[in-house]
């Protein structure tokens, strides 16, 4: 069993609440637009970090993190890409990969729109954790916690940090 903390679009903003809410987590997954190496380092010092770079991330982060990441967590095939779209509207940059070999869990960011949706056509769970940073048009800052046990997802929690000022 693995408890996962998922966030995206921090845009270089650090909030100690990330650590508070991710305390029970075994790993942290960042779906891009990290914004600074310092944010990535603080997360990685706290828990093992898996991340992809986003469109605002510079060369320093692009040298550390890939654009697309695929791995197994427990028995779940996970695919993560910052600009990925969502069920019914996957981004052209990842669409062929998803349709050719669908993962069980697809995580993306970019839109700043919190979304947890099951794709019945492909049999995959899509998660966009919304945006955890201050930059952007979103009104609420959000995170996700999720438990993966074997090939099952349980205890999916949406955490609202606070309204953006």
N, C-alpha and C. Protein backbone atom coordinates (compact mmCIF):
# COMPACT_ATOMS: atom_id res chain seq x y z
N UNK A 1 0.83 -1.18 0.00
CA UNK A 1 0.00 0.00 0.00
C UNK A 1 0.88 1.25 0.00
N UNK A 2 0.53 2.19 -0.88
CA UNK A 2 1.27 3.45 -0.98
C UNK A 2 0.29 4.62 -0.91
N UNK A 3 0.58 5.55 -0.02
CA UNK A 3 -0.21 6.78 0.07
C UNK A 3 0.55 7.84 -0.72
N UNK A 4 -0.14 8.46 -1.68
CA UNK A 4 0.50 9.38 -2.62
C UNK A 4 -0.06 10.79 -2.44
N UNK A 5 0.82 11.78 -2.44
CA UNK A 5 0.43 13.18 -2.47
C UNK A 5 0.68 13.71 -3.88
N UNK A 6 -0.32 14.35 -4.47
CA UNK A 6 -0.21 14.82 -5.86
C UNK A 6 -0.48 16.31 -5.90
N UNK A 7 0.41 17.04 -6.59
CA UNK A 7 0.21 18.47 -6.78
C UNK A 7 0.74 18.89 -8.14
N UNK A 8 0.41 20.10 -8.52
CA UNK A 8 0.85 20.64 -9.80
C UNK A 8 0.83 22.16 -9.73
N UNK A 9 1.50 22.76 -10.68
CA UNK A 9 1.42 24.21 -10.89
C UNK A 9 1.70 25.01 -9.62
N UNK A 10 2.82 24.70 -8.98
CA UNK A 10 3.25 25.49 -7.83
C UNK A 10 3.84 26.83 -8.28
N UNK A 11 4.37 26.88 -9.49
CA UNK A 11 4.91 28.13 -10.05
C UNK A 11 5.86 28.83 -9.08
N UNK A 12 6.76 28.05 -8.49
CA UNK A 12 7.80 28.53 -7.57
C UNK A 12 7.28 28.96 -6.21
N UNK A 13 6.00 28.77 -5.96
CA UNK A 13 5.45 29.14 -4.64
C UNK A 13 5.65 28.00 -3.67
N UNK A 14 6.20 28.30 -2.50
CA UNK A 14 6.34 27.31 -1.45
C UNK A 14 5.34 27.60 -0.34
N UNK A 15 4.71 26.53 0.15
CA UNK A 15 3.77 26.64 1.25
C UNK A 15 4.06 25.49 2.21
N UNK A 16 4.29 25.79 3.46
CA UNK A 16 4.56 24.75 4.46
C UNK A 16 3.39 23.77 4.58
N UNK A 17 2.22 24.18 4.15
CA UNK A 17 1.05 23.29 4.19
C UNK A 17 1.25 22.07 3.30
N UNK A 18 2.09 22.18 2.28
CA UNK A 18 2.37 21.00 1.45
C UNK A 18 2.87 19.87 2.35
N UNK A 19 3.81 20.19 3.23
CA UNK A 19 4.38 19.18 4.11
C UNK A 19 3.36 18.68 5.13
N UNK A 20 2.56 19.59 5.63
CA UNK A 20 1.52 19.20 6.61
C UNK A 20 0.57 18.17 5.99
N UNK A 21 0.04 18.48 4.82
CA UNK A 21 -0.94 17.59 4.20
C UNK A 21 -0.31 16.34 3.59
N UNK A 22 0.96 16.40 3.26
CA UNK A 22 1.63 15.22 2.70
C UNK A 22 2.36 14.40 3.76
N UNK A 23 2.23 14.76 5.02
CA UNK A 23 2.87 14.02 6.11
C UNK A 23 2.54 12.53 6.07
N UNK A 24 1.29 12.13 5.87
CA UNK A 24 1.01 10.68 5.85
C UNK A 24 1.38 9.98 4.54
N UNK A 25 1.91 10.71 3.59
CA UNK A 25 2.20 10.14 2.27
C UNK A 25 3.56 9.46 2.21
N UNK A 26 3.63 8.43 1.38
CA UNK A 26 4.89 7.73 1.14
C UNK A 26 5.70 8.38 0.03
N UNK A 27 5.00 9.00 -0.92
CA UNK A 27 5.64 9.64 -2.07
C UNK A 27 4.88 10.91 -2.43
N UNK A 28 5.56 11.81 -3.13
CA UNK A 28 4.92 13.01 -3.68
C UNK A 28 5.14 12.99 -5.19
N UNK A 29 4.06 13.28 -5.93
CA UNK A 29 4.13 13.36 -7.38
C UNK A 29 3.75 14.77 -7.80
N UNK A 30 4.61 15.42 -8.57
CA UNK A 30 4.37 16.80 -9.04
C UNK A 30 4.18 16.76 -10.55
N UNK A 31 3.01 17.25 -11.00
CA UNK A 31 2.65 17.17 -12.42
C UNK A 31 3.06 18.40 -13.21
N UNK A 32 4.16 19.03 -12.85
CA UNK A 32 4.75 20.07 -13.68
C UNK A 32 4.40 21.50 -13.32
N UNK A 33 5.14 22.42 -13.98
CA UNK A 33 5.16 23.84 -13.62
C UNK A 33 5.56 23.99 -12.15
N UNK A 34 6.68 23.35 -11.86
CA UNK A 34 7.26 23.41 -10.52
C UNK A 34 7.69 24.85 -10.24
N UNK A 35 8.40 25.43 -11.18
CA UNK A 35 8.74 26.85 -11.11
C UNK A 35 10.09 27.17 -10.53
N UNK A 36 10.61 26.33 -9.65
CA UNK A 36 11.94 26.59 -9.10
C UNK A 36 12.54 25.29 -8.58
N UNK A 37 13.84 25.23 -8.64
CA UNK A 37 14.56 24.07 -8.14
C UNK A 37 14.37 23.94 -6.63
N UNK A 38 14.21 25.08 -5.94
CA UNK A 38 14.04 25.07 -4.49
C UNK A 38 12.77 24.33 -4.07
N UNK A 39 11.67 24.55 -4.79
CA UNK A 39 10.42 23.84 -4.48
C UNK A 39 10.63 22.34 -4.65
N UNK A 40 11.24 21.94 -5.75
CA UNK A 40 11.50 20.52 -6.00
C UNK A 40 12.39 19.92 -4.91
N UNK A 41 13.43 20.66 -4.51
CA UNK A 41 14.35 20.16 -3.48
C UNK A 41 13.65 19.99 -2.13
N UNK A 42 12.82 20.95 -1.75
CA UNK A 42 12.12 20.85 -0.47
C UNK A 42 11.17 19.65 -0.45
N UNK A 43 10.47 19.44 -1.55
CA UNK A 43 9.58 18.29 -1.63
C UNK A 43 10.37 16.99 -1.57
N UNK A 44 11.49 16.93 -2.33
CA UNK A 44 12.31 15.72 -2.40
C UNK A 44 13.01 15.42 -1.07
N UNK A 45 13.31 16.44 -0.30
CA UNK A 45 13.92 16.23 1.02
C UNK A 45 12.91 15.67 2.01
N UNK A 46 11.63 15.93 1.77
CA UNK A 46 10.57 15.51 2.67
C UNK A 46 10.11 14.07 2.39
N UNK A 47 9.88 13.78 1.11
CA UNK A 47 9.44 12.45 0.68
C UNK A 47 10.02 12.19 -0.72
N UNK A 48 10.12 10.92 -1.11
CA UNK A 48 10.55 10.63 -2.48
C UNK A 48 9.64 11.37 -3.47
N UNK A 49 10.26 12.01 -4.46
CA UNK A 49 9.55 12.85 -5.41
C UNK A 49 9.65 12.29 -6.82
N UNK A 50 8.50 12.17 -7.47
CA UNK A 50 8.44 11.90 -8.90
C UNK A 50 7.82 13.15 -9.51
N UNK A 51 8.42 13.65 -10.60
CA UNK A 51 7.91 14.88 -11.19
C UNK A 51 8.21 14.91 -12.68
N UNK A 52 7.43 15.73 -13.37
CA UNK A 52 7.68 16.05 -14.78
C UNK A 52 7.81 17.57 -14.87
N UNK A 53 8.50 18.02 -15.90
CA UNK A 53 8.59 19.47 -16.06
C UNK A 53 7.36 19.97 -16.81
N UNK A 54 7.06 21.24 -16.59
CA UNK A 54 5.94 21.88 -17.27
C UNK A 54 6.43 22.97 -18.21
N UNK A 55 5.50 23.62 -18.87
CA UNK A 55 5.86 24.61 -19.88
C UNK A 55 6.57 25.82 -19.33
N UNK A 56 6.42 26.14 -18.04
CA UNK A 56 7.13 27.32 -17.49
C UNK A 56 8.47 26.95 -16.86
N UNK A 57 8.76 25.66 -16.77
CA UNK A 57 10.00 25.23 -16.12
C UNK A 57 11.20 25.43 -17.02
N UNK A 58 12.25 26.00 -16.42
CA UNK A 58 13.47 26.30 -17.16
C UNK A 58 14.38 25.10 -17.31
N UNK A 59 15.55 25.36 -17.90
CA UNK A 59 16.52 24.31 -18.20
C UNK A 59 16.99 23.54 -16.98
N UNK A 60 17.10 24.21 -15.82
CA UNK A 60 17.56 23.51 -14.62
C UNK A 60 16.61 22.37 -14.25
N UNK A 61 15.31 22.64 -14.29
CA UNK A 61 14.33 21.60 -13.97
C UNK A 61 14.19 20.59 -15.10
N UNK A 62 14.33 21.03 -16.34
CA UNK A 62 14.23 20.11 -17.48
C UNK A 62 15.40 19.13 -17.53
N UNK A 63 16.52 19.50 -16.95
CA UNK A 63 17.65 18.57 -16.88
C UNK A 63 17.44 17.50 -15.81
N UNK A 64 16.62 17.79 -14.82
CA UNK A 64 16.37 16.86 -13.72
C UNK A 64 15.16 15.97 -13.99
N UNK A 65 14.09 16.59 -14.50
CA UNK A 65 12.82 15.88 -14.66
C UNK A 65 12.47 15.74 -16.14
N UNK A 66 11.84 14.63 -16.51
CA UNK A 66 11.44 14.42 -17.91
C UNK A 66 10.13 15.14 -18.23
N UNK A 67 9.81 15.20 -19.51
CA UNK A 67 8.53 15.76 -19.95
C UNK A 67 7.39 14.78 -19.64
N UNK A 68 7.67 13.49 -19.81
CA UNK A 68 6.69 12.44 -19.58
C UNK A 68 7.35 11.38 -18.72
N UNK A 69 6.59 10.84 -17.78
CA UNK A 69 7.12 9.82 -16.88
C UNK A 69 6.10 8.69 -16.79
N UNK A 70 6.61 7.45 -16.91
CA UNK A 70 5.73 6.27 -16.79
C UNK A 70 6.42 5.28 -15.87
N UNK A 71 5.66 4.75 -14.91
CA UNK A 71 6.23 3.83 -13.94
C UNK A 71 5.10 3.00 -13.32
N UNK A 72 5.50 2.02 -12.51
CA UNK A 72 4.55 1.20 -11.77
C UNK A 72 4.57 1.64 -10.31
N UNK A 73 3.39 1.83 -9.75
CA UNK A 73 3.22 2.04 -8.32
C UNK A 73 2.33 0.92 -7.83
N UNK A 74 2.88 0.08 -6.95
CA UNK A 74 2.19 -1.16 -6.60
C UNK A 74 1.97 -1.91 -7.91
N UNK A 75 0.72 -2.21 -8.27
CA UNK A 75 0.44 -2.91 -9.53
C UNK A 75 -0.20 -1.98 -10.57
N UNK A 76 -0.13 -0.69 -10.32
CA UNK A 76 -0.79 0.30 -11.18
C UNK A 76 0.22 0.92 -12.14
N UNK A 77 -0.13 0.92 -13.42
CA UNK A 77 0.65 1.57 -14.46
C UNK A 77 0.28 3.05 -14.45
N UNK A 78 1.26 3.91 -14.16
CA UNK A 78 1.03 5.36 -14.02
C UNK A 78 1.73 6.11 -15.14
N UNK A 79 1.04 7.08 -15.72
CA UNK A 79 1.61 7.96 -16.74
C UNK A 79 1.35 9.39 -16.30
N UNK A 80 2.41 10.22 -16.35
CA UNK A 80 2.27 11.62 -15.93
C UNK A 80 2.92 12.54 -16.97
N UNK A 81 2.18 13.60 -17.34
CA UNK A 81 2.67 14.61 -18.27
C UNK A 81 1.96 15.91 -17.93
N UNK A 82 2.70 17.01 -17.93
CA UNK A 82 2.10 18.29 -17.53
C UNK A 82 0.92 18.67 -18.42
N UNK A 83 1.16 18.79 -19.71
CA UNK A 83 0.09 19.14 -20.64
C UNK A 83 -0.44 17.83 -21.23
N UNK A 84 -1.57 17.38 -20.68
CA UNK A 84 -2.08 16.07 -21.08
C UNK A 84 -3.54 16.04 -21.45
N UNK A 85 -4.27 17.08 -21.09
CA UNK A 85 -5.71 17.06 -21.35
C UNK A 85 -6.42 16.17 -20.37
N UNK A 86 -7.57 15.65 -20.80
CA UNK A 86 -8.41 14.86 -19.91
C UNK A 86 -9.30 13.96 -20.77
N UNK A 87 -10.00 13.01 -20.15
CA UNK A 87 -10.84 12.09 -20.93
C UNK A 87 -11.78 12.82 -21.88
N UNK A 88 -11.76 12.39 -23.12
CA UNK A 88 -12.55 13.02 -24.16
C UNK A 88 -11.85 14.17 -24.84
N UNK A 89 -10.74 14.62 -24.28
CA UNK A 89 -9.99 15.74 -24.86
C UNK A 89 -8.50 15.66 -24.47
N UNK A 90 -7.88 14.52 -24.76
CA UNK A 90 -6.45 14.38 -24.46
C UNK A 90 -5.65 15.25 -25.41
N UNK A 91 -4.55 15.80 -24.89
CA UNK A 91 -3.67 16.64 -25.70
C UNK A 91 -3.05 15.81 -26.83
N UNK A 92 -2.93 16.40 -28.03
CA UNK A 92 -2.34 15.66 -29.16
C UNK A 92 -0.94 15.12 -28.87
N UNK A 93 -0.19 15.77 -27.96
CA UNK A 93 1.18 15.32 -27.66
C UNK A 93 1.23 13.99 -26.91
N UNK A 94 0.11 13.56 -26.33
CA UNK A 94 0.10 12.32 -25.55
C UNK A 94 -1.01 11.36 -25.99
N UNK A 95 -1.91 11.83 -26.82
CA UNK A 95 -3.09 11.05 -27.22
C UNK A 95 -2.73 9.67 -27.77
N UNK A 96 -1.78 9.60 -28.71
CA UNK A 96 -1.44 8.31 -29.32
C UNK A 96 -0.91 7.33 -28.28
N UNK A 97 -0.09 7.81 -27.37
CA UNK A 97 0.45 6.95 -26.31
C UNK A 97 -0.66 6.41 -25.43
N UNK A 98 -1.58 7.27 -25.05
CA UNK A 98 -2.68 6.85 -24.18
C UNK A 98 -3.57 5.83 -24.88
N UNK A 99 -3.89 6.05 -26.15
CA UNK A 99 -4.78 5.14 -26.85
C UNK A 99 -4.08 3.83 -27.23
N UNK A 100 -2.79 3.89 -27.55
CA UNK A 100 -2.06 2.68 -27.94
C UNK A 100 -1.85 1.76 -26.74
N UNK A 101 -1.52 2.35 -25.60
CA UNK A 101 -1.21 1.57 -24.41
C UNK A 101 -1.71 2.33 -23.18
N UNK A 102 -3.02 2.27 -22.90
CA UNK A 102 -3.57 3.07 -21.80
C UNK A 102 -2.98 2.69 -20.45
N UNK A 103 -2.59 3.70 -19.68
CA UNK A 103 -2.18 3.43 -18.29
C UNK A 103 -3.44 3.21 -17.46
N UNK A 104 -3.28 2.81 -16.23
CA UNK A 104 -4.43 2.72 -15.33
C UNK A 104 -4.69 4.06 -14.64
N UNK A 105 -3.63 4.87 -14.53
CA UNK A 105 -3.73 6.19 -13.90
C UNK A 105 -2.97 7.19 -14.77
N UNK A 106 -3.66 8.24 -15.19
CA UNK A 106 -3.04 9.31 -15.98
C UNK A 106 -3.16 10.61 -15.20
N UNK A 107 -2.00 11.24 -14.94
CA UNK A 107 -1.96 12.47 -14.16
C UNK A 107 -1.44 13.59 -15.05
N UNK A 108 -2.14 14.72 -15.03
CA UNK A 108 -1.68 15.89 -15.76
C UNK A 108 -1.96 17.13 -14.92
N UNK A 109 -1.39 18.25 -15.35
CA UNK A 109 -1.61 19.53 -14.70
C UNK A 109 -2.02 20.55 -15.74
N UNK A 110 -1.40 21.71 -15.70
CA UNK A 110 -1.47 22.76 -16.71
C UNK A 110 -2.74 23.60 -16.68
N UNK A 111 -3.90 23.00 -16.62
CA UNK A 111 -5.15 23.76 -16.77
C UNK A 111 -5.52 24.53 -15.51
N UNK A 112 -4.94 24.17 -14.37
CA UNK A 112 -5.30 24.72 -13.06
C UNK A 112 -6.73 24.34 -12.67
N UNK A 113 -7.30 23.38 -13.38
CA UNK A 113 -8.66 22.92 -13.09
C UNK A 113 -8.58 21.55 -12.41
N UNK A 114 -9.03 21.49 -11.17
CA UNK A 114 -9.08 20.24 -10.43
C UNK A 114 -10.04 19.29 -11.13
N UNK A 115 -9.57 18.07 -11.40
CA UNK A 115 -10.42 17.10 -12.08
C UNK A 115 -9.99 15.69 -11.69
N UNK A 116 -10.94 14.90 -11.25
CA UNK A 116 -10.74 13.47 -11.01
C UNK A 116 -11.86 12.79 -11.79
N UNK A 117 -11.49 12.07 -12.84
CA UNK A 117 -12.49 11.54 -13.76
C UNK A 117 -12.06 10.18 -14.28
N UNK A 118 -13.00 9.25 -14.31
CA UNK A 118 -12.73 7.93 -14.87
C UNK A 118 -13.06 7.93 -16.35
N UNK A 119 -12.12 7.47 -17.16
CA UNK A 119 -12.33 7.34 -18.60
C UNK A 119 -12.85 5.93 -18.87
N UNK A 120 -14.15 5.80 -19.08
CA UNK A 120 -14.78 4.49 -19.29
C UNK A 120 -14.29 3.84 -20.57
N UNK A 121 -14.01 4.64 -21.59
CA UNK A 121 -13.56 4.10 -22.87
C UNK A 121 -12.22 3.38 -22.73
N UNK A 122 -11.29 3.98 -22.01
CA UNK A 122 -9.94 3.42 -21.88
C UNK A 122 -9.72 2.69 -20.56
N UNK A 123 -10.66 2.80 -19.64
CA UNK A 123 -10.52 2.13 -18.35
C UNK A 123 -9.41 2.71 -17.49
N UNK A 124 -9.26 4.02 -17.53
CA UNK A 124 -8.21 4.66 -16.73
C UNK A 124 -8.79 5.77 -15.86
N UNK A 125 -8.11 6.02 -14.76
CA UNK A 125 -8.46 7.13 -13.89
C UNK A 125 -7.58 8.31 -14.26
N UNK A 126 -8.20 9.46 -14.48
CA UNK A 126 -7.45 10.68 -14.77
C UNK A 126 -7.54 11.60 -13.56
N UNK A 127 -6.37 12.15 -13.17
CA UNK A 127 -6.32 13.12 -12.08
C UNK A 127 -5.55 14.34 -12.53
N UNK A 128 -6.17 15.51 -12.37
CA UNK A 128 -5.48 16.79 -12.45
C UNK A 128 -5.68 17.41 -11.08
N UNK A 129 -4.60 17.59 -10.31
CA UNK A 129 -4.76 18.09 -8.93
C UNK A 129 -5.07 19.57 -8.82
N UNK A 130 -5.29 20.24 -9.95
CA UNK A 130 -5.52 21.69 -9.90
C UNK A 130 -4.19 22.39 -9.73
N UNK A 131 -4.20 23.54 -9.12
CA UNK A 131 -2.97 24.32 -8.93
C UNK A 131 -2.73 24.58 -7.45
N UNK A 132 -1.49 24.34 -7.01
CA UNK A 132 -1.13 24.55 -5.61
C UNK A 132 -0.44 25.90 -5.38
N UNK A 133 -0.08 26.58 -6.47
CA UNK A 133 0.62 27.85 -6.35
C UNK A 133 -0.31 29.05 -6.41
N UNK A 134 0.29 30.23 -6.46
CA UNK A 134 -0.46 31.48 -6.47
C UNK A 134 -0.71 32.04 -7.86
N UNK A 135 0.16 31.69 -8.81
CA UNK A 135 0.06 32.25 -10.15
C UNK A 135 -1.03 31.54 -10.96
N UNK A 136 -1.84 32.30 -11.66
CA UNK A 136 -2.86 31.71 -12.53
C UNK A 136 -4.24 32.26 -12.21
N UNK A 137 -5.21 31.75 -12.88
CA UNK A 137 -6.56 32.25 -12.76
C UNK A 137 -7.44 31.48 -11.79
N UNK A 138 -6.95 30.35 -11.27
CA UNK A 138 -7.73 29.53 -10.35
C UNK A 138 -8.06 30.32 -9.07
N UNK A 139 -9.19 30.00 -8.47
CA UNK A 139 -9.61 30.69 -7.26
C UNK A 139 -9.16 29.95 -5.99
N UNK A 140 -9.13 28.61 -6.07
CA UNK A 140 -8.71 27.80 -4.93
C UNK A 140 -7.43 27.06 -5.24
N UNK A 141 -6.57 26.94 -4.24
CA UNK A 141 -5.34 26.16 -4.36
C UNK A 141 -5.64 24.76 -3.83
N UNK A 142 -5.28 23.73 -4.63
CA UNK A 142 -5.68 22.37 -4.27
C UNK A 142 -4.54 21.37 -4.38
N UNK A 143 -4.68 20.29 -3.63
CA UNK A 143 -3.79 19.12 -3.64
C UNK A 143 -4.70 17.89 -3.67
N UNK A 144 -4.09 16.74 -3.96
CA UNK A 144 -4.81 15.45 -3.91
C UNK A 144 -3.98 14.47 -3.08
N UNK A 145 -4.68 13.67 -2.30
CA UNK A 145 -4.06 12.50 -1.67
C UNK A 145 -4.83 11.28 -2.15
N UNK A 146 -4.09 10.20 -2.38
CA UNK A 146 -4.67 8.99 -2.95
C UNK A 146 -3.91 7.79 -2.41
N UNK A 147 -4.63 6.72 -2.13
CA UNK A 147 -4.00 5.47 -1.72
C UNK A 147 -4.07 4.48 -2.87
N UNK A 148 -2.94 3.82 -3.13
CA UNK A 148 -2.89 2.76 -4.13
C UNK A 148 -2.50 1.48 -3.40
N UNK A 149 -3.36 0.49 -3.52
CA UNK A 149 -3.08 -0.81 -2.91
C UNK A 149 -3.29 -1.88 -3.96
N UNK A 150 -2.20 -2.53 -4.35
CA UNK A 150 -2.28 -3.49 -5.45
C UNK A 150 -2.66 -2.75 -6.72
N UNK A 151 -3.82 -3.10 -7.28
CA UNK A 151 -4.28 -2.40 -8.48
C UNK A 151 -5.53 -1.56 -8.20
N UNK A 152 -5.75 -1.22 -6.94
CA UNK A 152 -6.94 -0.48 -6.53
C UNK A 152 -6.58 0.92 -6.03
N UNK A 153 -7.50 1.87 -6.29
CA UNK A 153 -7.38 3.24 -5.79
C UNK A 153 -8.41 3.41 -4.68
N UNK A 154 -7.98 3.97 -3.56
CA UNK A 154 -8.92 4.24 -2.47
C UNK A 154 -8.57 5.59 -1.84
N UNK A 155 -9.46 6.06 -1.01
CA UNK A 155 -9.22 7.24 -0.18
C UNK A 155 -8.75 8.46 -0.96
N UNK A 156 -9.34 8.70 -2.12
CA UNK A 156 -8.97 9.88 -2.89
C UNK A 156 -9.54 11.11 -2.18
N UNK A 157 -8.64 12.02 -1.80
CA UNK A 157 -9.03 13.22 -1.06
C UNK A 157 -8.61 14.47 -1.81
N UNK A 158 -9.51 15.41 -1.93
CA UNK A 158 -9.19 16.73 -2.46
C UNK A 158 -8.96 17.63 -1.25
N UNK A 159 -7.84 18.30 -1.24
CA UNK A 159 -7.50 19.22 -0.15
C UNK A 159 -7.45 20.63 -0.71
N UNK A 160 -8.25 21.50 -0.15
CA UNK A 160 -8.22 22.91 -0.53
C UNK A 160 -7.34 23.64 0.47
N UNK A 161 -6.27 24.22 -0.02
CA UNK A 161 -5.35 24.94 0.85
C UNK A 161 -5.94 26.25 1.33
N UNK A 162 -6.44 27.03 0.40
CA UNK A 162 -7.06 28.32 0.71
C UNK A 162 -7.39 28.99 -0.61
N UNK A 163 -8.20 30.00 -0.55
CA UNK A 163 -8.46 30.79 -1.75
C UNK A 163 -7.20 31.58 -2.10
N UNK A 164 -7.01 31.79 -3.38
CA UNK A 164 -5.90 32.63 -3.83
C UNK A 164 -6.20 34.07 -3.47
N UNK A 165 -5.20 34.77 -3.05
CA UNK A 165 -5.40 36.19 -2.68
C UNK A 165 -5.30 37.07 -3.91
